[in-house]
N, C-alpha and C. Protein backbone atom coordinates (compact mmCIF):
# COMPACT_ATOMS: atom_id res chain seq x y z
N UNK A 1 15.89 47.96 -47.30
CA UNK A 1 17.03 46.90 -47.16
C UNK A 1 16.71 46.36 -46.06
N UNK A 2 17.41 47.13 -45.16
CA UNK A 2 17.41 46.91 -44.37
C UNK A 2 16.94 45.94 -42.92
N UNK A 3 15.37 46.37 -43.39
CA UNK A 3 14.74 46.63 -41.91
C UNK A 3 14.11 44.91 -42.34
N UNK A 4 14.07 44.65 -44.46
CA UNK A 4 13.78 43.28 -44.98
C UNK A 4 14.82 41.98 -44.06
N UNK A 5 16.35 42.69 -43.97
CA UNK A 5 17.13 41.99 -43.38
C UNK A 5 16.99 41.39 -42.24
N UNK A 6 16.75 42.68 -41.41
CA UNK A 6 16.47 42.78 -39.77
C UNK A 6 14.78 42.03 -39.61
N UNK A 7 13.99 42.22 -40.65
CA UNK A 7 13.23 40.23 -40.38
C UNK A 7 12.88 39.64 -40.75
N UNK A 8 14.31 39.31 -41.72
CA UNK A 8 14.62 37.74 -41.80
C UNK A 8 15.11 37.46 -40.92
N UNK A 9 16.11 37.81 -40.05
CA UNK A 9 16.67 37.90 -38.93
C UNK A 9 15.84 37.23 -37.79
N UNK A 10 15.16 38.35 -37.32
CA UNK A 10 13.74 37.52 -36.51
C UNK A 10 13.04 36.36 -37.24
N UNK A 11 12.65 36.22 -38.18
CA UNK A 11 11.64 35.26 -38.62
C UNK A 11 12.22 33.99 -38.19
N UNK A 12 14.33 33.82 -38.37
CA UNK A 12 14.65 32.79 -38.47
C UNK A 12 15.22 32.49 -36.58
N UNK A 13 14.64 33.68 -35.79
CA UNK A 13 14.88 33.09 -34.63
C UNK A 13 13.64 32.88 -34.32
N UNK A 14 12.85 33.14 -34.36
CA UNK A 14 11.49 32.89 -33.96
C UNK A 14 11.25 31.88 -34.49
N UNK A 15 12.06 30.84 -35.50
CA UNK A 15 11.59 29.56 -36.03
C UNK A 15 12.63 28.66 -35.59
N UNK A 16 13.64 29.07 -35.37
CA UNK A 16 14.62 27.99 -34.48
C UNK A 16 14.16 28.31 -32.84
N UNK A 17 13.41 29.73 -32.57
CA UNK A 17 12.89 29.16 -31.10
C UNK A 17 12.08 28.02 -31.00
N UNK A 18 10.76 28.19 -31.98
CA UNK A 18 10.06 27.01 -31.85
C UNK A 18 10.61 25.79 -32.11
N UNK A 19 11.33 24.96 -33.18
CA UNK A 19 11.55 24.34 -32.88
C UNK A 19 12.56 23.55 -31.86
N UNK A 20 13.45 24.53 -31.12
CA UNK A 20 13.34 24.05 -29.63
C UNK A 20 12.40 23.51 -29.09
N UNK A 21 11.70 25.17 -29.12
CA UNK A 21 10.78 24.05 -28.26
C UNK A 21 9.49 23.21 -28.67
N UNK A 22 9.69 22.98 -29.54
CA UNK A 22 9.40 21.51 -30.04
C UNK A 22 9.78 20.26 -29.30
N UNK A 23 11.35 20.80 -29.40
CA UNK A 23 12.24 19.34 -29.01
C UNK A 23 12.52 19.10 -27.94
N UNK A 24 12.15 19.82 -26.70
CA UNK A 24 12.27 20.20 -25.40
C UNK A 24 10.62 19.14 -25.34
N UNK A 25 9.47 19.57 -25.89
CA UNK A 25 8.10 18.88 -25.31
C UNK A 25 8.30 17.51 -25.68
N UNK A 26 9.16 17.58 -27.04
CA UNK A 26 9.29 16.07 -27.31
C UNK A 26 9.99 14.61 -26.10
N UNK A 27 11.43 15.28 -26.01
CA UNK A 27 12.41 15.03 -25.67
C UNK A 27 10.79 14.97 -24.23
N UNK A 28 10.60 15.64 -23.36
CA UNK A 28 10.11 15.61 -21.77
C UNK A 28 8.87 14.83 -22.03
N UNK A 29 8.03 14.25 -23.05
CA UNK A 29 6.81 13.69 -23.66
C UNK A 29 7.94 11.76 -23.93
N UNK A 30 8.89 12.43 -24.48
CA UNK A 30 9.56 10.48 -24.31
C UNK A 30 9.79 10.69 -22.69
N UNK A 31 10.44 10.67 -21.72
CA UNK A 31 10.88 10.85 -21.07
C UNK A 31 9.33 10.41 -19.97
N UNK A 32 8.80 10.54 -20.10
CA UNK A 32 7.82 10.81 -18.92
C UNK A 32 7.21 9.50 -19.45
N UNK A 33 6.70 9.04 -20.85
CA UNK A 33 6.26 7.57 -21.24
C UNK A 33 7.23 6.32 -20.74
N UNK A 34 9.04 6.82 -21.29
CA UNK A 34 9.54 5.37 -21.00
C UNK A 34 9.90 5.42 -20.48
N UNK A 35 10.89 6.91 -19.51
CA UNK A 35 11.88 6.77 -18.73
C UNK A 35 11.94 6.78 -17.40
N UNK A 36 10.88 7.37 -16.80
CA UNK A 36 10.39 7.96 -15.97
C UNK A 36 9.97 6.41 -14.66
N UNK A 37 10.50 6.68 -13.41
CA UNK A 37 10.13 5.91 -12.51
C UNK A 37 9.42 6.47 -11.66
N UNK A 38 8.22 4.91 -12.02
CA UNK A 38 6.90 4.97 -11.43
C UNK A 38 7.20 4.44 -10.54
N UNK A 39 6.74 5.35 -8.74
CA UNK A 39 5.77 4.18 -7.99
C UNK A 39 4.95 2.84 -8.29
N UNK A 40 5.21 1.85 -7.91
CA UNK A 40 4.30 0.74 -7.95
C UNK A 40 2.77 0.32 -6.98
N UNK A 41 2.15 0.75 -7.59
CA UNK A 41 0.90 0.66 -6.01
C UNK A 41 0.78 -1.17 -6.09
N UNK A 42 0.46 -1.30 -4.95
CA UNK A 42 -0.16 -2.68 -4.66
C UNK A 42 -1.83 -2.70 -4.71
N UNK A 43 -2.37 -3.34 -5.47
CA UNK A 43 -3.93 -3.00 -5.56
C UNK A 43 -4.43 -3.76 -4.95
N UNK A 44 -5.55 -3.83 -4.65
CA UNK A 44 -6.70 -4.26 -3.51
C UNK A 44 -7.46 -5.09 -4.05
N UNK A 45 -7.37 -7.48 -4.02
CA UNK A 45 -7.72 -7.49 -4.61
C UNK A 45 -9.30 -7.57 -4.49
N UNK A 46 -10.56 -7.89 -5.29
CA UNK A 46 -11.89 -8.30 -5.01
C UNK A 46 -12.31 -8.92 -4.26
N UNK A 47 -11.23 -10.52 -4.31
CA UNK A 47 -11.31 -11.69 -3.62
C UNK A 47 -10.21 -12.13 -2.80
N UNK A 48 -10.65 -12.57 -2.11
CA UNK A 48 -8.82 -12.50 -0.63
C UNK A 48 -8.05 -13.27 -1.28
N UNK A 49 -6.92 -13.34 -1.11
CA UNK A 49 -5.30 -14.49 -1.49
C UNK A 49 -6.48 -15.86 -1.35
N UNK A 50 -5.81 -16.92 -2.31
CA UNK A 50 -5.48 -17.92 -1.64
C UNK A 50 -5.17 -18.53 -0.47
N UNK A 51 -4.08 -18.43 -0.35
CA UNK A 51 -3.23 -18.67 0.77
C UNK A 51 -3.51 -17.70 2.27
N UNK A 52 -3.21 -18.70 3.28
CA UNK A 52 -4.04 -18.30 4.49
C UNK A 52 -2.30 -17.37 4.78
N UNK A 53 -2.45 -16.70 6.18
CA UNK A 53 -1.17 -16.27 6.35
C UNK A 53 -0.41 -16.94 7.12
N UNK A 54 1.09 -17.67 6.16
CA UNK A 54 1.98 -18.25 7.35
C UNK A 54 2.12 -17.97 8.75
N UNK A 55 1.89 -16.44 8.99
CA UNK A 55 2.51 -16.51 10.20
C UNK A 55 1.70 -16.17 11.26
N UNK A 56 0.19 -16.10 10.96
CA UNK A 56 -0.73 -16.70 12.19
C UNK A 56 -1.14 -17.37 13.12
N UNK A 57 -1.21 -17.00 14.55
CA UNK A 57 -0.96 -18.22 15.25
C UNK A 57 -2.05 -18.43 15.85
N UNK A 58 -2.57 -19.39 15.97
CA UNK A 58 -4.67 -19.32 17.05
C UNK A 58 -3.96 -18.92 17.97
N UNK A 59 -5.62 -18.49 18.46
CA UNK A 59 -5.43 -17.97 19.94
C UNK A 59 -6.30 -19.16 20.33
N UNK A 60 -6.05 -19.12 21.92
CA UNK A 60 -6.81 -20.26 22.64
C UNK A 60 -8.10 -20.16 23.04
N UNK A 61 -8.99 -18.56 22.86
CA UNK A 61 -10.14 -18.45 23.65
C UNK A 61 -11.08 -17.24 21.79
N UNK A 62 -11.79 -18.54 21.33
CA UNK A 62 -12.49 -18.15 19.87
C UNK A 62 -13.42 -17.14 20.66
N UNK A 63 -13.98 -17.01 21.92
CA UNK A 63 -15.65 -16.52 22.28
C UNK A 63 -16.30 -16.60 21.28
N UNK A 64 -18.01 -15.88 21.42
CA UNK A 64 -18.68 -15.97 20.56
C UNK A 64 -19.06 -15.37 19.36
N UNK A 65 -19.01 -15.42 18.01
CA UNK A 65 -19.39 -14.47 17.31
C UNK A 65 -20.36 -13.30 17.79
N UNK A 66 -20.07 -12.20 16.86
CA UNK A 66 -20.71 -11.14 16.73
C UNK A 66 -21.89 -10.96 16.31
N UNK A 67 -23.45 -10.82 17.45
CA UNK A 67 -24.59 -10.93 16.54
C UNK A 67 -24.79 -9.88 15.05
N UNK A 68 -24.83 -10.84 13.92
CA UNK A 68 -25.09 -9.35 12.83
C UNK A 68 -26.04 -9.62 12.15
N UNK A 69 -26.70 -8.32 11.65
CA UNK A 69 -27.84 -8.77 10.70
C UNK A 69 -27.15 -10.02 9.18
N UNK A 70 -28.49 -10.56 8.66
CA UNK A 70 -28.28 -11.60 7.57
C UNK A 70 -28.01 -10.73 6.70
N UNK A 71 -26.57 -11.63 5.64
CA UNK A 71 -26.45 -10.79 4.79
C UNK A 71 -25.07 -9.83 4.98
N UNK A 72 -24.76 -9.86 6.70
CA UNK A 72 -23.50 -8.62 6.59
C UNK A 72 -22.43 -9.17 7.19
N UNK A 73 -21.75 -8.36 7.88
CA UNK A 73 -20.53 -8.59 8.93
C UNK A 73 -19.94 -7.98 9.49
N UNK A 74 -19.41 -8.92 10.50
CA UNK A 74 -18.70 -8.37 11.24
C UNK A 74 -17.39 -8.10 12.41
N UNK A 75 -16.15 -7.56 12.32
CA UNK A 75 -14.80 -7.61 12.75
C UNK A 75 -14.54 -7.11 14.11
N UNK A 76 -13.94 -7.47 14.59
CA UNK A 76 -13.57 -7.05 16.15
C UNK A 76 -11.69 -7.02 15.75
N UNK A 77 -11.50 -6.34 15.91
CA UNK A 77 -9.26 -5.96 16.35
C UNK A 77 -8.85 -5.04 17.38
N UNK A 78 -7.68 -5.75 17.64
CA UNK A 78 -7.26 -5.65 18.80
C UNK A 78 -5.68 -5.76 18.45
N UNK A 79 -4.76 -4.31 18.79
CA UNK A 79 -3.64 -4.43 17.84
C UNK A 79 -2.73 -3.29 18.65
N UNK A 80 -1.78 -3.68 18.66
CA UNK A 80 -0.85 -2.51 19.10
C UNK A 80 -0.28 -1.72 18.40
N UNK A 81 -0.26 -0.21 18.82
CA UNK A 81 -0.09 0.79 17.59
C UNK A 81 1.70 0.88 17.36
N UNK A 82 2.02 0.29 17.76
CA UNK A 82 3.27 0.21 17.28
C UNK A 82 4.07 -0.55 16.37
N UNK A 83 4.84 -0.34 15.42
CA UNK A 83 5.23 -1.93 14.71
C UNK A 83 6.42 -1.08 14.15
N UNK A 84 7.16 -2.09 14.21
CA UNK A 84 8.99 -1.87 13.88
C UNK A 84 9.12 -3.10 12.45
N UNK A 85 10.06 -2.29 12.01
CA UNK A 85 10.43 -3.12 10.72
C UNK A 85 12.08 -3.06 10.67
N UNK A 86 12.36 -4.60 10.60
CA UNK A 86 14.13 -4.71 10.39
C UNK A 86 14.03 -5.03 9.17
N UNK A 87 15.19 -3.77 8.31
CA UNK A 87 15.53 -3.74 7.10
C UNK A 87 16.77 -5.27 6.88
N UNK A 88 16.98 -5.62 7.66
CA UNK A 88 17.98 -6.64 7.62
C UNK A 88 17.14 -7.48 7.49
N UNK A 89 16.05 -7.95 7.97
CA UNK A 89 15.25 -9.53 7.70
C UNK A 89 14.20 -9.03 6.79
N UNK A 90 13.96 -7.88 6.19
CA UNK A 90 13.06 -7.68 5.54
C UNK A 90 11.08 -7.60 6.18
N UNK A 91 11.36 -7.77 7.47
CA UNK A 91 9.82 -8.00 8.62
C UNK A 91 9.82 -7.00 9.43
N UNK A 92 8.53 -6.71 9.62
CA UNK A 92 7.13 -6.11 10.44
C UNK A 92 6.84 -7.47 11.39
N UNK A 93 7.44 -6.38 12.49
CA UNK A 93 7.26 -7.10 14.00
C UNK A 93 6.01 -5.77 14.54
N UNK A 94 5.21 -6.90 14.88
CA UNK A 94 4.05 -6.03 15.25
C UNK A 94 2.83 -7.20 15.88
N UNK A 95 1.82 -6.32 16.71
CA UNK A 95 0.74 -7.35 17.89
C UNK A 95 -0.50 -7.34 16.96
N UNK A 96 -1.05 -8.34 16.77
CA UNK A 96 -2.65 -7.92 15.79
C UNK A 96 -2.84 -9.05 16.39
N UNK A 97 -4.58 -8.85 16.39
CA UNK A 97 -5.22 -9.99 17.29
C UNK A 97 -6.81 -9.78 15.98
N UNK A 98 -6.92 -10.84 15.46
CA UNK A 98 -8.44 -11.04 14.76
C UNK A 98 -8.88 -12.01 15.81
N UNK A 99 -9.86 -11.26 16.72
CA UNK A 99 -10.48 -12.92 17.34
C UNK A 99 -11.11 -12.70 16.83
N UNK A 100 -11.77 -14.53 17.24
CA UNK A 100 -12.81 -14.99 17.10
C UNK A 100 -14.09 -14.68 17.22
N UNK A 101 -14.36 -14.04 17.47
CA UNK A 101 -16.12 -13.36 17.44
C UNK A 101 -16.27 -12.52 16.00
N UNK A 102 -15.19 -12.62 14.74
CA UNK A 102 -15.07 -11.24 14.23
C UNK A 102 -16.11 -12.56 12.56
N UNK A 103 -16.92 -12.18 12.10
CA UNK A 103 -17.42 -13.28 11.42
C UNK A 103 -16.90 -13.21 9.91
N UNK A 104 -15.90 -12.44 9.66
CA UNK A 104 -15.14 -12.15 8.12
C UNK A 104 -13.06 -12.28 8.38
N UNK A 105 -13.36 -12.97 7.30
CA UNK A 105 -11.70 -13.29 7.27
C UNK A 105 -11.32 -11.30 6.62
N UNK A 106 -9.68 -11.43 6.98
CA UNK A 106 -9.08 -10.53 7.21
C UNK A 106 -7.33 -10.17 6.15
N UNK A 107 -7.48 -9.33 5.39
CA UNK A 107 -6.33 -9.07 4.60
C UNK A 107 -5.45 -7.69 5.65
N UNK A 108 -4.25 -7.94 6.17
CA UNK A 108 -4.13 -6.75 6.73
C UNK A 108 -2.69 -6.30 6.19
N UNK A 109 -2.65 -5.27 6.01
CA UNK A 109 -1.70 -4.17 4.97
C UNK A 109 -1.30 -3.79 6.16
N UNK A 110 0.18 -2.98 6.23
CA UNK A 110 1.01 -2.36 6.70
C UNK A 110 1.52 -0.50 5.74
N UNK A 111 0.71 0.61 5.78
CA UNK A 111 1.28 1.84 4.66
C UNK A 111 1.63 1.86 5.62
N UNK A 112 2.34 3.07 4.71
CA UNK A 112 3.08 3.90 5.32
C UNK A 112 4.09 5.27 4.03
N UNK A 113 3.34 6.18 4.75
CA UNK A 113 2.58 7.38 3.50
C UNK A 113 1.94 7.31 2.91
N UNK A 114 0.87 6.78 2.79
CA UNK A 114 -0.27 5.93 1.76
C UNK A 114 0.41 4.85 0.84
N UNK A 115 1.86 4.03 0.80
CA UNK A 115 1.69 2.89 0.22
C UNK A 115 2.31 1.58 1.40
N UNK A 116 1.70 1.03 0.38
CA UNK A 116 1.58 -0.34 1.13
C UNK A 116 3.24 -0.99 1.00
N UNK A 117 3.08 -1.22 2.26
CA UNK A 117 4.97 -2.04 2.26
C UNK A 117 4.55 -3.22 2.89
N UNK A 118 3.63 -4.34 3.38
CA UNK A 118 3.22 -5.42 4.10
C UNK A 118 1.94 -5.53 3.16
N UNK A 119 1.55 -6.65 3.47
CA UNK A 119 0.86 -7.37 3.38
C UNK A 119 -0.27 -8.75 3.62
N UNK A 120 -0.98 -8.98 4.40
CA UNK A 120 -0.73 -10.30 4.92
C UNK A 120 -1.80 -11.49 3.86
N UNK A 121 -1.54 -12.64 3.94
CA UNK A 121 -2.42 -13.60 3.24
C UNK A 121 -3.87 -13.40 4.05
N UNK A 122 -4.87 -14.54 4.02
CA UNK A 122 -5.69 -14.25 4.80
C UNK A 122 -5.65 -14.55 6.15
N UNK A 123 -6.17 -14.21 7.06
CA UNK A 123 -6.66 -13.74 8.13
C UNK A 123 -7.56 -14.90 8.78
N UNK A 124 -7.88 -16.00 9.14
CA UNK A 124 -8.98 -16.26 9.69
C UNK A 124 -9.82 -15.56 10.98
N UNK A 125 -11.09 -15.21 11.32
CA UNK A 125 -11.07 -15.13 12.73
C UNK A 125 -10.24 -16.33 14.09
N UNK A 126 -9.94 -16.00 14.97
CA UNK A 126 -9.47 -16.79 16.32
C UNK A 126 -7.88 -16.43 16.17
N UNK A 127 -7.28 -15.79 14.71
CA UNK A 127 -6.07 -16.26 15.42
C UNK A 127 -4.96 -14.36 15.15
N UNK A 128 -3.73 -14.65 15.39
CA UNK A 128 -2.78 -13.00 16.26
C UNK A 128 -1.81 -13.28 14.84
N UNK A 129 -1.20 -12.23 14.77
CA UNK A 129 -0.74 -11.95 14.13
C UNK A 129 1.03 -10.82 14.52
N UNK A 130 1.83 -11.91 14.99
CA UNK A 130 3.16 -11.13 15.65
C UNK A 130 4.34 -10.07 14.13
N UNK A 131 4.09 -11.19 13.00
CA UNK A 131 5.45 -10.73 12.05
C UNK A 131 4.76 -10.80 10.95
N UNK A 132 5.42 -9.81 10.02
CA UNK A 132 4.85 -9.75 8.56
C UNK A 132 5.73 -9.91 7.52
N UNK A 133 6.22 -10.11 6.70
CA UNK A 133 7.72 -10.20 5.32
C UNK A 133 6.51 -8.85 4.84
N UNK A 134 7.95 -7.90 4.43
CA UNK A 134 7.17 -6.57 3.48
C UNK A 134 7.57 -7.11 2.66
N UNK A 135 6.56 -6.29 1.06
CA UNK A 135 6.75 -7.14 0.13
C UNK A 135 8.01 -6.68 -0.66
N UNK A 136 7.97 -6.80 -1.59
CA UNK A 136 9.54 -6.93 -2.77
C UNK A 136 9.52 -5.90 -2.69
N UNK A 137 10.59 -5.32 -2.94
CA UNK A 137 11.13 -3.64 -2.57
C UNK A 137 11.12 -3.19 -1.85
N UNK A 138 10.81 -3.26 -0.62
CA UNK A 138 9.58 -2.19 0.42
C UNK A 138 11.04 -1.66 1.12
N UNK A 139 11.38 -2.32 1.10
CA UNK A 139 13.03 -2.21 1.73
C UNK A 139 13.86 -1.12 1.56
N UNK A 140 13.83 -1.03 0.09
CA UNK A 140 13.96 0.34 -0.30
C UNK A 140 14.17 1.22 -0.52
N UNK A 141 12.56 1.72 0.04
CA UNK A 141 11.99 2.31 -0.12
C UNK A 141 11.95 3.22 1.14
N UNK A 142 12.52 2.09 2.13
CA UNK A 142 12.68 2.90 3.31
C UNK A 142 14.20 3.23 4.42
N UNK A 143 13.45 4.13 4.93
CA UNK A 143 15.24 4.66 5.76
C UNK A 143 14.55 4.21 7.15
N UNK A 144 16.04 4.26 8.15
CA UNK A 144 16.27 4.09 8.98
C UNK A 144 15.17 5.82 9.45
N UNK A 145 13.83 4.85 11.20
CA UNK A 145 13.52 6.13 11.66
C UNK A 145 12.13 5.99 12.34
N UNK A 146 11.54 6.89 12.16
CA UNK A 146 10.21 6.18 12.62
C UNK A 146 9.17 7.49 11.82
N UNK A 147 8.10 6.82 11.43
CA UNK A 147 6.92 7.43 10.59
C UNK A 147 5.27 7.27 11.16
N UNK A 148 4.84 8.50 11.03
CA UNK A 148 4.08 8.78 12.01
C UNK A 148 2.82 8.47 10.93
N UNK A 149 3.08 9.13 9.92
CA UNK A 149 1.83 8.80 8.90
C UNK A 149 1.81 7.42 8.37
N UNK A 150 1.40 6.40 9.28
CA UNK A 150 1.06 5.81 8.99
C UNK A 150 -0.12 4.35 9.25
N UNK A 151 -0.14 3.37 8.76
CA UNK A 151 -2.05 2.78 9.20
C UNK A 151 -1.71 1.12 9.07
N UNK A 152 -2.56 0.90 9.96
CA UNK A 152 -3.33 -0.59 9.59
C UNK A 152 -4.24 -0.41 8.25
N UNK A 153 -4.49 -1.39 7.73
CA UNK A 153 -5.52 -1.00 6.83
C UNK A 153 -5.98 -2.92 6.90
N UNK A 154 -7.01 -2.77 7.10
CA UNK A 154 -7.84 -4.35 7.49
C UNK A 154 -8.85 -4.43 6.80
N UNK A 155 -8.39 -4.67 5.71
CA UNK A 155 -9.39 -5.49 3.90
C UNK A 155 -10.13 -6.48 4.87
N UNK A 156 -11.62 -6.59 5.03
CA UNK A 156 -13.01 -7.50 4.92
C UNK A 156 -12.93 -8.57 4.01
N UNK A 157 -12.79 -10.34 4.33
CA UNK A 157 -13.75 -10.89 2.92
C UNK A 157 -14.50 -11.95 3.56
N UNK A 158 -15.63 -12.01 2.76
CA UNK A 158 -16.62 -12.97 3.44
C UNK A 158 -15.69 -14.03 3.29
N UNK A 159 -16.12 -15.03 4.55
CA UNK A 159 -15.43 -16.28 4.84
C UNK A 159 -15.66 -17.73 3.95
N UNK A 160 -17.24 -17.40 3.30
CA UNK A 160 -17.32 -18.66 2.48
C UNK A 160 -17.05 -18.12 0.95
N UNK A 161 -17.28 -17.38 0.94
CA UNK A 161 -17.54 -16.81 -0.93
C UNK A 161 -16.24 -16.21 -1.63
N UNK A 162 -15.25 -15.61 -0.35
CA UNK A 162 -14.47 -14.66 -0.49
C UNK A 162 -14.43 -13.11 -1.01
N UNK A 163 -15.54 -12.92 -1.77
CA UNK A 163 -15.31 -11.45 -2.31
C UNK A 163 -15.15 -10.52 -0.58
N UNK A 164 -14.87 -9.56 -1.46
CA UNK A 164 -14.70 -8.52 -0.88
C UNK A 164 -16.39 -7.44 -0.34
N UNK A 165 -15.61 -7.05 1.06
CA UNK A 165 -16.47 -6.53 2.37
C UNK A 165 -17.08 -5.15 1.38
N UNK A 166 -17.77 -4.45 2.08
CA UNK A 166 -17.78 -3.15 1.07
C UNK A 166 -17.10 -1.83 1.95
N UNK A 167 -16.68 -2.35 3.58
CA UNK A 167 -16.03 -1.74 3.86
C UNK A 167 -14.98 -1.63 4.53
N UNK A 168 -13.40 -0.77 4.33
CA UNK A 168 -12.32 -0.90 4.50
C UNK A 168 -11.76 -0.57 6.61
N UNK A 169 -11.02 -1.06 7.39
CA UNK A 169 -11.16 -0.34 8.44
C UNK A 169 -9.57 0.00 8.48
N UNK A 170 -9.42 1.70 8.73
CA UNK A 170 -7.93 2.27 8.79
C UNK A 170 -7.49 1.95 10.45
N UNK A 171 -6.52 2.02 10.99
CA UNK A 171 -5.90 2.08 12.38
C UNK A 171 -4.44 2.73 12.31
N UNK A 172 -4.34 3.77 13.11
CA UNK A 172 -3.11 4.90 12.59
C UNK A 172 -1.95 3.81 13.50
N UNK A 173 -0.76 3.74 13.32
CA UNK A 173 -0.07 3.72 13.71
C UNK A 173 1.48 4.47 13.53
N UNK A 174 2.49 3.84 14.47
CA UNK A 174 3.78 4.53 14.31
C UNK A 174 4.59 3.57 14.03
N UNK A 175 5.37 3.81 13.33
CA UNK A 175 6.33 2.31 12.76
C UNK A 175 7.69 3.27 12.74
N UNK A 176 8.40 2.07 13.82
CA UNK A 176 10.12 2.39 13.85
C UNK A 176 10.79 1.45 12.62
N UNK A 177 11.36 2.17 12.20
CA UNK A 177 12.31 1.35 11.08
C UNK A 177 13.87 0.98 11.08
N UNK A 178 14.42 0.22 11.91
CA UNK A 178 15.56 -0.24 11.49
C UNK A 178 16.20 -1.15 11.25
N UNK A 179 17.74 -1.16 10.82
CA UNK A 179 18.93 -1.71 10.01
C UNK A 179 18.74 -3.16 10.80
């Protein structure tokens, strides 16, 4: 008698433990599907943005275009490796030049820890960029300080078709964030 009562209690405990385990698994699944805060990643478009970058300033010397093979392209870039971001005005202050000798339009992105925090409109060869607005909500993800895991990501686009080129360029930068 005692053994069957003991076995019955053990069965009940096992069943209760399994039910609790299933409830926890279902709860975690529901949280992961509906309530987890996933970071939004900015996707890189296959075609250049329609809007030209508003903050691009024309250069006085456009120079001669790079010599590239038919159907190819070339970009030249000049930049200062330090960028300052003001959280107060949601703006990145930089020094980036897209010389006139380049044959591709570009879109400039600022990435910090693998996440794009600012992205320009289309920049044609022969222009310079000194400031760039942060993407919506990017200021909430940044804290005051210096970020060394940061990059300029230069996306190249054909100036006639607007189609994305096969190669992107990445340049290491240091970003200092201030209030």
